[in-house]
All heavy atoms as atom14 arrays in JSON, in Angstrom:
{
  "sequence": "GVVERSHAHLLGSEIIAINDVPIEEVQRRASPLFSHDNEVWLRYYLSQ",
  "atom14_mask": [
    [1, 1, 1, 1, 0, 0, 0, 0, 0, 0, 0, 0, 0, 0],
    [1, 1, 1, 1, 1, 1, 1, 0, 0, 0, 0, 0, 0, 0],
    [1, 1, 1, 1, 1, 1, 1, 0, 0, 0, 0, 0, 0, 0],
    [1, 1, 1, 1, 1, 1, 1, 1, 1, 0, 0, 0, 0, 0],
    [1, 1, 1, 1, 1, 1, 1, 1, 1, 1, 1, 0, 0, 0],
    [1, 1, 1, 1, 1, 1, 0, 0, 0, 0, 0, 0, 0, 0],
    [1, 1, 1, 1, 1, 1, 1, 1, 1, 1, 0, 0, 0, 0],
    [1, 1, 1, 1, 1, 0, 0, 0, 0, 0, 0, 0, 0, 0],
    [1, 1, 1, 1, 1, 1, 1, 1, 1, 1, 0, 0, 0, 0],
    [1, 1, 1, 1, 1, 1, 1, 1, 0, 0, 0, 0, 0, 0],
    [1, 1, 1, 1, 1, 1, 1, 1, 0, 0, 0, 0, 0, 0],
    [1, 1, 1, 1, 0, 0, 0, 0, 0, 0, 0, 0, 0, 0],
    [1, 1, 1, 1, 1, 1, 0, 0, 0, 0, 0, 0, 0, 0],
    [1, 1, 1, 1, 1, 1, 1, 1, 1, 0, 0, 0, 0, 0],
    [1, 1, 1, 1, 1, 1, 1, 1, 0, 0, 0, 0, 0, 0],
    [1, 1, 1, 1, 1, 1, 1, 1, 0, 0, 0, 0, 0, 0],
    [1, 1, 1, 1, 1, 0, 0, 0, 0, 0, 0, 0, 0, 0],
    [1, 1, 1, 1, 1, 1, 1, 1, 0, 0, 0, 0, 0, 0],
    [1, 1, 1, 1, 1, 1, 1, 1, 0, 0, 0, 0, 0, 0],
    [1, 1, 1, 1, 1, 1, 1, 1, 0, 0, 0, 0, 0, 0],
    [1, 1, 1, 1, 1, 1, 1, 0, 0, 0, 0, 0, 0, 0],
    [1, 1, 1, 1, 1, 1, 1, 0, 0, 0, 0, 0, 0, 0],
    [1, 1, 1, 1, 1, 1, 1, 1, 0, 0, 0, 0, 0, 0],
    [1, 1, 1, 1, 1, 1, 1, 1, 1, 0, 0, 0, 0, 0],
    [1, 1, 1, 1, 1, 1, 1, 1, 1, 0, 0, 0, 0, 0],
    [1, 1, 1, 1, 1, 1, 1, 0, 0, 0, 0, 0, 0, 0],
    [1, 1, 1, 1, 1, 1, 1, 1, 1, 0, 0, 0, 0, 0],
    [1, 1, 1, 1, 1, 1, 1, 1, 1, 1, 1, 0, 0, 0],
    [1, 1, 1, 1, 1, 1, 1, 1, 1, 1, 1, 0, 0, 0],
    [1, 1, 1, 1, 1, 0, 0, 0, 0, 0, 0, 0, 0, 0],
    [1, 1, 1, 1, 1, 1, 0, 0, 0, 0, 0, 0, 0, 0],
    [1, 1, 1, 1, 1, 1, 1, 0, 0, 0, 0, 0, 0, 0],
    [1, 1, 1, 1, 1, 1, 1, 1, 0, 0, 0, 0, 0, 0],
    [1, 1, 1, 1, 1, 1, 1, 1, 1, 1, 1, 0, 0, 0],
    [1, 1, 1, 1, 1, 1, 0, 0, 0, 0, 0, 0, 0, 0],
    [1, 1, 1, 1, 1, 1, 1, 1, 1, 1, 0, 0, 0, 0],
    [1, 1, 1, 1, 1, 1, 1, 1, 0, 0, 0, 0, 0, 0],
    [1, 1, 1, 1, 1, 1, 1, 1, 0, 0, 0, 0, 0, 0],
    [1, 1, 1, 1, 1, 1, 1, 1, 1, 0, 0, 0, 0, 0],
    [1, 1, 1, 1, 1, 1, 1, 0, 0, 0, 0, 0, 0, 0],
    [1, 1, 1, 1, 1, 1, 1, 1, 1, 1, 1, 1, 1, 1],
    [1, 1, 1, 1, 1, 1, 1, 1, 0, 0, 0, 0, 0, 0],
    [1, 1, 1, 1, 1, 1, 1, 1, 1, 1, 1, 0, 0, 0],
    [1, 1, 1, 1, 1, 1, 1, 1, 1, 1, 1, 1, 0, 0],
    [1, 1, 1, 1, 1, 1, 1, 1, 1, 1, 1, 1, 0, 0],
    [1, 1, 1, 1, 1, 1, 1, 1, 0, 0, 0, 0, 0, 0],
    [1, 1, 1, 1, 1, 1, 0, 0, 0, 0, 0, 0, 0, 0],
    [1, 1, 1, 1, 1, 1, 1, 1, 1, 0, 0, 0, 0, 0]
  ],
  "atom14_positions": [
    [[6.61, -69.97, 23.8], [5.36, -69.8, 24.55], [4.84, -68.37, 24.53], [3.65, -68.17, 24.75], [0.0, 0.0, 0.0], [0.0, 0.0, 0.0], [0.0, 0.0, 0.0], [0.0, 0.0, 0.0], [0.0, 0.0, 0.0], [0.0, 0.0, 0.0], [0.0, 0.0, 0.0], [0.0, 0.0, 0.0], [0.0, 0.0, 0.0], [0.0, 0.0, 0.0]],
    [[5.73, -67.43, 24.29], [5.36, -66.01, 24.23], [6.18, -65.37, 23.12], [7.35, -65.65, 22.98], [5.62, -65.3, 25.57], [5.32, -63.77, 25.46], [4.87, -65.9, 26.71], [0.0, 0.0, 0.0], [0.0, 0.0, 0.0], [0.0, 0.0, 0.0], [0.0, 0.0, 0.0], [0.0, 0.0, 0.0], [0.0, 0.0, 0.0], [0.0, 0.0, 0.0]],
    [[5.53, -64.49, 22.33], [6.27, -63.84, 21.25], [5.5, -62.56, 20.82], [4.29, -62.45, 21.09], [6.47, -64.79, 20.05], [5.13, -65.04, 19.32], [7.53, -64.28, 19.11], [0.0, 0.0, 0.0], [0.0, 0.0, 0.0], [0.0, 0.0, 0.0], [0.0, 0.0, 0.0], [0.0, 0.0, 0.0], [0.0, 0.0, 0.0], [0.0, 0.0, 0.0]],
    [[6.18, -61.66, 20.17], [5.49, -60.45, 19.7], [4.4, -60.89, 18.7], [4.54, -61.9, 18.01], [6.49, -59.48, 19.06], [7.27, -60.02, 17.91], [8.28, -59.03, 17.42], [8.55, -58.02, 18.14], [8.89, -59.23, 16.33], [0.0, 0.0, 0.0], [0.0, 0.0, 0.0], [0.0, 0.0, 0.0], [0.0, 0.0, 0.0], [0.0, 0.0, 0.0]],
    [[3.32, -60.13, 18.63], [2.12, -60.58, 17.96], [2.29, -60.92, 16.47], [1.54, -61.74, 15.96], [1.01, -59.54, 18.15], [0.52, -59.45, 19.6], [-0.78, -58.73, 19.74], [-1.26, -58.81, 21.11], [-1.92, -59.82, 21.62], [-2.16, -60.87, 20.86], [-2.28, -59.81, 22.88], [0.0, 0.0, 0.0], [0.0, 0.0, 0.0], [0.0, 0.0, 0.0]],
    [[3.25, -60.34, 15.82], [3.41, -60.63, 14.4], [3.8, -62.06, 14.11], [3.66, -62.59, 13.01], [4.45, -59.69, 13.8], [5.71, -59.85, 14.4], [0.0, 0.0, 0.0], [0.0, 0.0, 0.0], [0.0, 0.0, 0.0], [0.0, 0.0, 0.0], [0.0, 0.0, 0.0], [0.0, 0.0, 0.0], [0.0, 0.0, 0.0], [0.0, 0.0, 0.0]],
    [[4.26, -62.75, 15.18], [4.67, -64.16, 15.04], [3.76, -65.12, 15.81], [4.16, -66.2, 16.14], [6.12, -64.34, 15.51], [7.12, -63.52, 14.76], [7.35, -63.69, 13.39], [7.94, -62.5, 15.17], [8.3, -62.82, 13.02], [8.68, -62.11, 14.05], [0.0, 0.0, 0.0], [0.0, 0.0, 0.0], [0.0, 0.0, 0.0], [0.0, 0.0, 0.0]],
    [[2.53, -64.67, 16.08], [1.62, -65.45, 16.93], [1.37, -66.84, 16.34], [1.11, -67.8, 17.1], [0.29, -64.69, 17.09], [0.0, 0.0, 0.0], [0.0, 0.0, 0.0], [0.0, 0.0, 0.0], [0.0, 0.0, 0.0], [0.0, 0.0, 0.0], [0.0, 0.0, 0.0], [0.0, 0.0, 0.0], [0.0, 0.0, 0.0], [0.0, 0.0, 0.0]],
    [[1.41, -66.99, 15.03], [1.12, -68.29, 14.39], [2.2, -69.31, 14.73], [1.99, -70.53, 14.46], [1.0, -68.11, 12.88], [2.27, -67.64, 12.22], [2.75, -66.34, 12.37], [3.17, -68.27, 11.41], [3.86, -66.22, 11.69], [4.14, -67.35, 11.1], [0.0, 0.0, 0.0], [0.0, 0.0, 0.0], [0.0, 0.0, 0.0], [0.0, 0.0, 0.0]],
    [[3.31, -68.92, 15.27], [4.38, -69.84, 15.63], [4.36, -70.27, 17.07], [5.27, -71.01, 17.49], [5.76, -69.21, 15.27], [6.01, -68.94, 13.78], [7.28, -68.16, 13.59], [6.04, -70.27, 13.03], [0.0, 0.0, 0.0], [0.0, 0.0, 0.0], [0.0, 0.0, 0.0], [0.0, 0.0, 0.0], [0.0, 0.0, 0.0], [0.0, 0.0, 0.0]],
    [[3.41, -69.85, 17.86], [3.3, -70.3, 19.24], [3.27, -71.82, 19.32], [2.56, -72.47, 18.55], [2.09, -69.7, 19.92], [2.14, -68.2, 20.24], [0.78, -67.71, 20.71], [3.22, -67.9, 21.28], [0.0, 0.0, 0.0], [0.0, 0.0, 0.0], [0.0, 0.0, 0.0], [0.0, 0.0, 0.0], [0.0, 0.0, 0.0], [0.0, 0.0, 0.0]],
    [[4.04, -72.37, 20.24], [4.09, -73.82, 20.38], [5.18, -74.46, 19.54], [5.47, -75.68, 19.68], [0.0, 0.0, 0.0], [0.0, 0.0, 0.0], [0.0, 0.0, 0.0], [0.0, 0.0, 0.0], [0.0, 0.0, 0.0], [0.0, 0.0, 0.0], [0.0, 0.0, 0.0], [0.0, 0.0, 0.0], [0.0, 0.0, 0.0], [0.0, 0.0, 0.0]],
    [[5.81, -73.66, 18.67], [6.88, -74.23, 17.81], [8.09, -74.64, 18.66], [8.38, -74.04, 19.71], [7.34, -73.19, 16.78], [6.3, -72.89, 15.88], [0.0, 0.0, 0.0], [0.0, 0.0, 0.0], [0.0, 0.0, 0.0], [0.0, 0.0, 0.0], [0.0, 0.0, 0.0], [0.0, 0.0, 0.0], [0.0, 0.0, 0.0], [0.0, 0.0, 0.0]],
    [[8.79, -75.65, 18.17], [10.0, -76.11, 18.84], [11.17, -75.18, 18.49], [11.41, -74.85, 17.32], [10.33, -77.55, 18.45], [11.55, -78.12, 19.14], [11.83, -79.57, 18.73], [10.95, -80.2, 18.11], [12.94, -80.03, 19.01], [0.0, 0.0, 0.0], [0.0, 0.0, 0.0], [0.0, 0.0, 0.0], [0.0, 0.0, 0.0], [0.0, 0.0, 0.0]],
    [[11.94, -74.76, 19.5], [13.14, -73.96, 19.3], [14.26, -74.89, 18.84], [14.65, -75.8, 19.6], [13.57, -73.19, 20.57], [12.38, -72.49, 21.21], [14.69, -72.22, 20.22], [11.8, -71.37, 20.42], [0.0, 0.0, 0.0], [0.0, 0.0, 0.0], [0.0, 0.0, 0.0], [0.0, 0.0, 0.0], [0.0, 0.0, 0.0], [0.0, 0.0, 0.0]],
    [[14.81, -74.65, 17.65], [15.9, -75.49, 17.14], [17.25, -74.86, 17.47], [18.18, -75.56, 17.86], [15.76, -75.67, 15.62], [14.38, -76.32, 15.27], [16.9, -76.53, 15.09], [14.22, -77.69, 15.87], [0.0, 0.0, 0.0], [0.0, 0.0, 0.0], [0.0, 0.0, 0.0], [0.0, 0.0, 0.0], [0.0, 0.0, 0.0], [0.0, 0.0, 0.0]],
    [[17.35, -73.55, 17.26], [18.64, -72.86, 17.48], [18.45, -71.39, 17.77], [17.43, -70.82, 17.41], [19.53, -73.06, 16.23], [0.0, 0.0, 0.0], [0.0, 0.0, 0.0], [0.0, 0.0, 0.0], [0.0, 0.0, 0.0], [0.0, 0.0, 0.0], [0.0, 0.0, 0.0], [0.0, 0.0, 0.0], [0.0, 0.0, 0.0], [0.0, 0.0, 0.0]],
    [[19.45, -70.81, 18.43], [19.51, -69.37, 18.65], [20.81, -68.89, 18.01], [21.9, -69.39, 18.34], [19.52, -69.01, 20.17], [18.28, -69.56, 20.84], [19.59, -67.51, 20.35], [18.26, -69.34, 22.34], [0.0, 0.0, 0.0], [0.0, 0.0, 0.0], [0.0, 0.0, 0.0], [0.0, 0.0, 0.0], [0.0, 0.0, 0.0], [0.0, 0.0, 0.0]],
    [[20.67, -67.98, 17.04], [21.81, -67.52, 16.26], [22.64, -68.67, 15.7], [23.88, -68.69, 15.74], [22.72, -66.62, 17.12], [22.17, -65.23, 17.35], [21.23, -64.83, 16.6], [22.65, -64.5, 18.28], [0.0, 0.0, 0.0], [0.0, 0.0, 0.0], [0.0, 0.0, 0.0], [0.0, 0.0, 0.0], [0.0, 0.0, 0.0], [0.0, 0.0, 0.0]],
    [[21.94, -69.66, 15.21], [22.49, -70.84, 14.55], [23.22, -71.77, 15.5], [23.85, -72.76, 15.05], [23.47, -70.44, 13.42], [22.76, -69.73, 12.26], [21.62, -70.11, 11.97], [23.33, -68.8, 11.68], [0.0, 0.0, 0.0], [0.0, 0.0, 0.0], [0.0, 0.0, 0.0], [0.0, 0.0, 0.0], [0.0, 0.0, 0.0], [0.0, 0.0, 0.0]],
    [[23.16, -71.52, 16.79], [23.73, -72.43, 17.8], [22.61, -73.35, 18.26], [21.57, -72.87, 18.75], [24.33, -71.65, 18.99], [24.89, -72.63, 20.02], [25.44, -70.68, 18.51], [0.0, 0.0, 0.0], [0.0, 0.0, 0.0], [0.0, 0.0, 0.0], [0.0, 0.0, 0.0], [0.0, 0.0, 0.0], [0.0, 0.0, 0.0], [0.0, 0.0, 0.0]],
    [[22.76, -74.67, 18.15], [21.69, -75.6, 18.58], [21.26, -75.29, 20.03], [22.1, -75.02, 20.89], [22.34, -76.95, 18.45], [23.4, -76.76, 17.39], [23.92, -75.37, 17.59], [0.0, 0.0, 0.0], [0.0, 0.0, 0.0], [0.0, 0.0, 0.0], [0.0, 0.0, 0.0], [0.0, 0.0, 0.0], [0.0, 0.0, 0.0], [0.0, 0.0, 0.0]],
    [[19.99, -75.4, 20.27], [19.42, -75.06, 21.6], [20.05, -75.92, 22.68], [20.24, -75.45, 23.81], [17.89, -75.15, 21.59], [17.29, -74.49, 22.82], [17.46, -76.59, 21.45], [17.46, -73.0, 22.87], [0.0, 0.0, 0.0], [0.0, 0.0, 0.0], [0.0, 0.0, 0.0], [0.0, 0.0, 0.0], [0.0, 0.0, 0.0], [0.0, 0.0, 0.0]],
    [[20.38, -77.16, 22.39], [21.03, -78.02, 23.39], [22.4, -77.45, 23.81], [22.78, -77.53, 24.99], [21.19, -79.43, 22.85], [19.88, -80.16, 22.56], [19.31, -79.78, 21.22], [19.97, -79.08, 20.45], [18.16, -80.21, 20.94], [0.0, 0.0, 0.0], [0.0, 0.0, 0.0], [0.0, 0.0, 0.0], [0.0, 0.0, 0.0], [0.0, 0.0, 0.0]],
    [[23.12, -76.92, 22.82], [24.42, -76.31, 23.13], [24.27, -74.99, 23.91], [25.05, -74.7, 24.82], [25.18, -76.05, 21.83], [26.49, -75.28, 21.97], [27.55, -75.98, 22.8], [27.38, -77.21, 23.09], [28.55, -75.36, 23.17], [0.0, 0.0, 0.0], [0.0, 0.0, 0.0], [0.0, 0.0, 0.0], [0.0, 0.0, 0.0], [0.0, 0.0, 0.0]],
    [[23.23, -74.22, 23.57], [22.95, -73.0, 24.31], [22.67, -73.33, 25.79], [23.21, -72.7, 26.7], [21.76, -72.22, 23.7], [21.48, -70.96, 24.52], [22.05, -71.84, 22.24], [0.0, 0.0, 0.0], [0.0, 0.0, 0.0], [0.0, 0.0, 0.0], [0.0, 0.0, 0.0], [0.0, 0.0, 0.0], [0.0, 0.0, 0.0], [0.0, 0.0, 0.0]],
    [[21.82, -74.36, 26.0], [21.55, -74.75, 27.38], [22.81, -75.23, 28.09], [23.03, -74.87, 29.28], [20.49, -75.85, 27.39], [20.18, -76.37, 28.83], [19.13, -77.43, 28.86], [18.1, -77.27, 28.18], [19.34, -78.49, 29.62], [0.0, 0.0, 0.0], [0.0, 0.0, 0.0], [0.0, 0.0, 0.0], [0.0, 0.0, 0.0], [0.0, 0.0, 0.0]],
    [[23.66, -75.97, 27.42], [24.86, -76.46, 28.05], [25.78, -75.32, 28.47], [26.35, -75.33, 29.55], [25.63, -77.38, 27.07], [26.83, -78.09, 27.69], [27.73, -78.72, 26.62], [28.37, -77.72, 25.78], [29.46, -77.03, 26.16], [29.99, -77.22, 27.37], [30.01, -76.16, 25.31], [0.0, 0.0, 0.0], [0.0, 0.0, 0.0], [0.0, 0.0, 0.0]],
    [[25.87, -74.33, 27.61], [26.75, -73.19, 27.95], [26.15, -72.32, 29.1], [26.9, -71.78, 29.91], [26.93, -72.29, 26.72], [27.74, -72.92, 25.59], [28.07, -71.87, 24.57], [28.48, -72.45, 23.28], [28.88, -71.73, 22.24], [28.9, -70.39, 22.32], [29.21, -72.32, 21.11], [0.0, 0.0, 0.0], [0.0, 0.0, 0.0], [0.0, 0.0, 0.0]],
    [[24.85, -72.21, 29.13], [24.19, -71.36, 30.1], [24.07, -72.05, 31.48], [23.99, -71.37, 32.5], [22.82, -70.99, 29.64], [0.0, 0.0, 0.0], [0.0, 0.0, 0.0], [0.0, 0.0, 0.0], [0.0, 0.0, 0.0], [0.0, 0.0, 0.0], [0.0, 0.0, 0.0], [0.0, 0.0, 0.0], [0.0, 0.0, 0.0], [0.0, 0.0, 0.0]],
    [[24.04, -73.37, 31.5], [23.72, -74.1, 32.75], [24.61, -73.74, 33.95], [24.13, -73.66, 35.07], [23.74, -75.61, 32.53], [25.01, -76.07, 32.16], [0.0, 0.0, 0.0], [0.0, 0.0, 0.0], [0.0, 0.0, 0.0], [0.0, 0.0, 0.0], [0.0, 0.0, 0.0], [0.0, 0.0, 0.0], [0.0, 0.0, 0.0], [0.0, 0.0, 0.0]],
    [[25.93, -73.44, 33.77], [26.76, -73.11, 34.96], [26.31, -71.81, 35.66], [26.7, -71.56, 36.78], [28.17, -72.97, 34.36], [28.16, -73.78, 33.12], [26.79, -73.61, 32.57], [0.0, 0.0, 0.0], [0.0, 0.0, 0.0], [0.0, 0.0, 0.0], [0.0, 0.0, 0.0], [0.0, 0.0, 0.0], [0.0, 0.0, 0.0], [0.0, 0.0, 0.0]],
    [[25.53, -70.98, 34.96], [25.13, -69.69, 35.51], [23.79, -69.79, 36.28], [23.34, -68.78, 36.82], [24.96, -68.66, 34.37], [26.24, -68.01, 33.86], [27.11, -69.0, 33.13], [25.87, -66.89, 32.89], [0.0, 0.0, 0.0], [0.0, 0.0, 0.0], [0.0, 0.0, 0.0], [0.0, 0.0, 0.0], [0.0, 0.0, 0.0], [0.0, 0.0, 0.0]],
    [[23.21, -70.97, 36.29], [21.94, -71.15, 36.97], [22.11, -72.19, 38.07], [22.2, -73.41, 37.8], [20.87, -71.61, 35.94], [20.52, -70.55, 34.94], [21.35, -70.31, 33.83], [19.41, -69.76, 35.12], [21.03, -69.33, 32.92], [19.07, -68.76, 34.2], [19.92, -68.53, 33.1], [0.0, 0.0, 0.0], [0.0, 0.0, 0.0], [0.0, 0.0, 0.0]],
    [[22.14, -71.7, 39.31], [22.34, -72.64, 40.44], [21.24, -73.67, 40.45], [20.07, -73.33, 40.51], [22.3, -71.82, 41.76], [23.32, -70.85, 41.77], [0.0, 0.0, 0.0], [0.0, 0.0, 0.0], [0.0, 0.0, 0.0], [0.0, 0.0, 0.0], [0.0, 0.0, 0.0], [0.0, 0.0, 0.0], [0.0, 0.0, 0.0], [0.0, 0.0, 0.0]],
    [[21.65, -74.95, 40.44], [20.65, -76.01, 40.38], [21.24, -77.31, 40.9], [22.45, -77.53, 40.88], [20.12, -76.2, 38.96], [21.17, -76.69, 37.98], [22.12, -75.84, 37.42], [21.44, -77.93, 37.47], [22.91, -76.53, 36.63], [22.52, -77.79, 36.64], [0.0, 0.0, 0.0], [0.0, 0.0, 0.0], [0.0, 0.0, 0.0], [0.0, 0.0, 0.0]],
    [[20.36, -78.17, 41.42], [20.79, -79.48, 41.85], [20.08, -80.57, 41.09], [20.22, -81.76, 41.41], [20.68, -79.65, 43.36], [19.32, -79.15, 43.89], [18.3, -79.51, 43.32], [19.35, -78.39, 44.89], [0.0, 0.0, 0.0], [0.0, 0.0, 0.0], [0.0, 0.0, 0.0], [0.0, 0.0, 0.0], [0.0, 0.0, 0.0], [0.0, 0.0, 0.0]],
    [[19.28, -80.22, 40.08], [18.68, -81.22, 39.19], [18.29, -80.55, 37.88], [18.19, -79.33, 37.8], [17.5, -81.93, 39.82], [16.31, -81.03, 40.07], [15.74, -80.49, 39.13], [15.95, -80.86, 41.33], [0.0, 0.0, 0.0], [0.0, 0.0, 0.0], [0.0, 0.0, 0.0], [0.0, 0.0, 0.0], [0.0, 0.0, 0.0], [0.0, 0.0, 0.0]],
    [[18.14, -81.34, 36.86], [17.89, -80.81, 35.52], [16.51, -80.19, 35.37], [16.31, -79.27, 34.55], [18.05, -81.93, 34.45], [19.49, -82.41, 34.31], [20.39, -81.28, 33.8], [20.09, -80.69, 32.76], [21.41, -81.02, 34.46], [0.0, 0.0, 0.0], [0.0, 0.0, 0.0], [0.0, 0.0, 0.0], [0.0, 0.0, 0.0], [0.0, 0.0, 0.0]],
    [[15.54, -80.66, 36.13], [14.21, -80.08, 36.05], [14.24, -78.61, 36.46], [13.66, -77.72, 35.82], [13.18, -80.87, 36.93], [11.78, -80.22, 36.88], [13.09, -82.3, 36.41], [0.0, 0.0, 0.0], [0.0, 0.0, 0.0], [0.0, 0.0, 0.0], [0.0, 0.0, 0.0], [0.0, 0.0, 0.0], [0.0, 0.0, 0.0], [0.0, 0.0, 0.0]],
    [[14.9, -78.35, 37.62], [14.95, -76.95, 38.11], [15.8, -76.11, 37.18], [15.49, -74.93, 36.98], [15.51, -76.93, 39.53], [15.46, -75.52, 40.1], [16.49, -74.66, 40.33], [14.28, -74.83, 40.53], [16.02, -73.49, 40.87], [14.67, -73.54, 41.0], [12.94, -75.16, 40.53], [13.77, -72.62, 41.49], [12.02, -74.2, 41.05], [12.45, -72.97, 41.5]],
    [[16.84, -76.67, 36.62], [17.67, -75.91, 35.64], [16.79, -75.4, 34.52], [16.82, -74.2, 34.2], [18.78, -76.78, 35.08], [19.52, -76.2, 33.9], [20.24, -74.9, 34.21], [20.51, -77.23, 33.29], [0.0, 0.0, 0.0], [0.0, 0.0, 0.0], [0.0, 0.0, 0.0], [0.0, 0.0, 0.0], [0.0, 0.0, 0.0], [0.0, 0.0, 0.0]],
    [[15.97, -76.27, 33.93], [15.14, -75.84, 32.8], [14.07, -74.87, 33.23], [13.76, -73.89, 32.54], [14.5, -77.06, 32.13], [15.54, -77.94, 31.39], [14.85, -78.95, 30.51], [14.11, -79.95, 31.28], [14.58, -81.14, 31.62], [15.79, -81.49, 31.26], [13.84, -81.98, 32.3], [0.0, 0.0, 0.0], [0.0, 0.0, 0.0], [0.0, 0.0, 0.0]],
    [[13.49, -75.07, 34.42], [12.46, -74.15, 34.95], [13.07, -72.78, 35.21], [12.48, -71.74, 34.81], [11.88, -74.74, 36.23], [10.81, -73.89, 36.84], [9.52, -73.82, 36.29], [11.03, -73.19, 38.03], [8.52, -73.05, 36.86], [10.03, -72.43, 38.62], [8.79, -72.38, 38.05], [7.83, -71.6, 38.61], [0.0, 0.0, 0.0], [0.0, 0.0, 0.0]],
    [[14.23, -72.71, 35.81], [14.92, -71.45, 36.12], [15.4, -70.8, 34.8], [15.2, -69.61, 34.59], [16.12, -71.82, 37.0], [16.84, -70.69, 37.66], [16.46, -69.35, 37.55], [18.03, -70.96, 38.4], [17.19, -68.33, 38.17], [18.73, -69.94, 39.01], [18.33, -68.63, 38.85], [19.07, -67.62, 39.48], [0.0, 0.0, 0.0], [0.0, 0.0, 0.0]],
    [[15.95, -71.6, 33.91], [16.44, -71.09, 32.64], [15.32, -70.48, 31.8], [15.49, -69.46, 31.12], [17.13, -72.22, 31.9], [17.87, -71.89, 30.58], [18.93, -70.82, 30.81], [18.5, -73.15, 30.01], [0.0, 0.0, 0.0], [0.0, 0.0, 0.0], [0.0, 0.0, 0.0], [0.0, 0.0, 0.0], [0.0, 0.0, 0.0], [0.0, 0.0, 0.0]],
    [[14.13, -71.1, 31.86], [13.01, -70.59, 31.03], [12.67, -69.14, 31.4], [12.12, -68.42, 30.55], [11.78, -71.5, 31.24], [11.22, -71.36, 32.54], [0.0, 0.0, 0.0], [0.0, 0.0, 0.0], [0.0, 0.0, 0.0], [0.0, 0.0, 0.0], [0.0, 0.0, 0.0], [0.0, 0.0, 0.0], [0.0, 0.0, 0.0], [0.0, 0.0, 0.0]],
    [[12.95, -68.72, 32.6], [12.6, -67.39, 33.02], [13.62, -66.32, 32.51], [13.34, -65.13, 32.53], [12.57, -67.3, 34.54], [11.56, -68.25, 35.15], [11.71, -68.37, 36.66], [12.05, -67.44, 37.34], [11.48, -69.58, 37.19], [0.0, 0.0, 0.0], [0.0, 0.0, 0.0], [0.0, 0.0, 0.0], [0.0, 0.0, 0.0], [0.0, 0.0, 0.0]]
  ]
}
């Protein structure tokens, strides 16, 4: 949703992986660090 201007043409692209780790796995590893009682808030909090 936000990126340095040289990559502006990629806005809206789907994130597949970070450092070759699938984004679903990244979220799974990060989720215990974000206090949440439902998945919607987890993603909203995580996005920040």
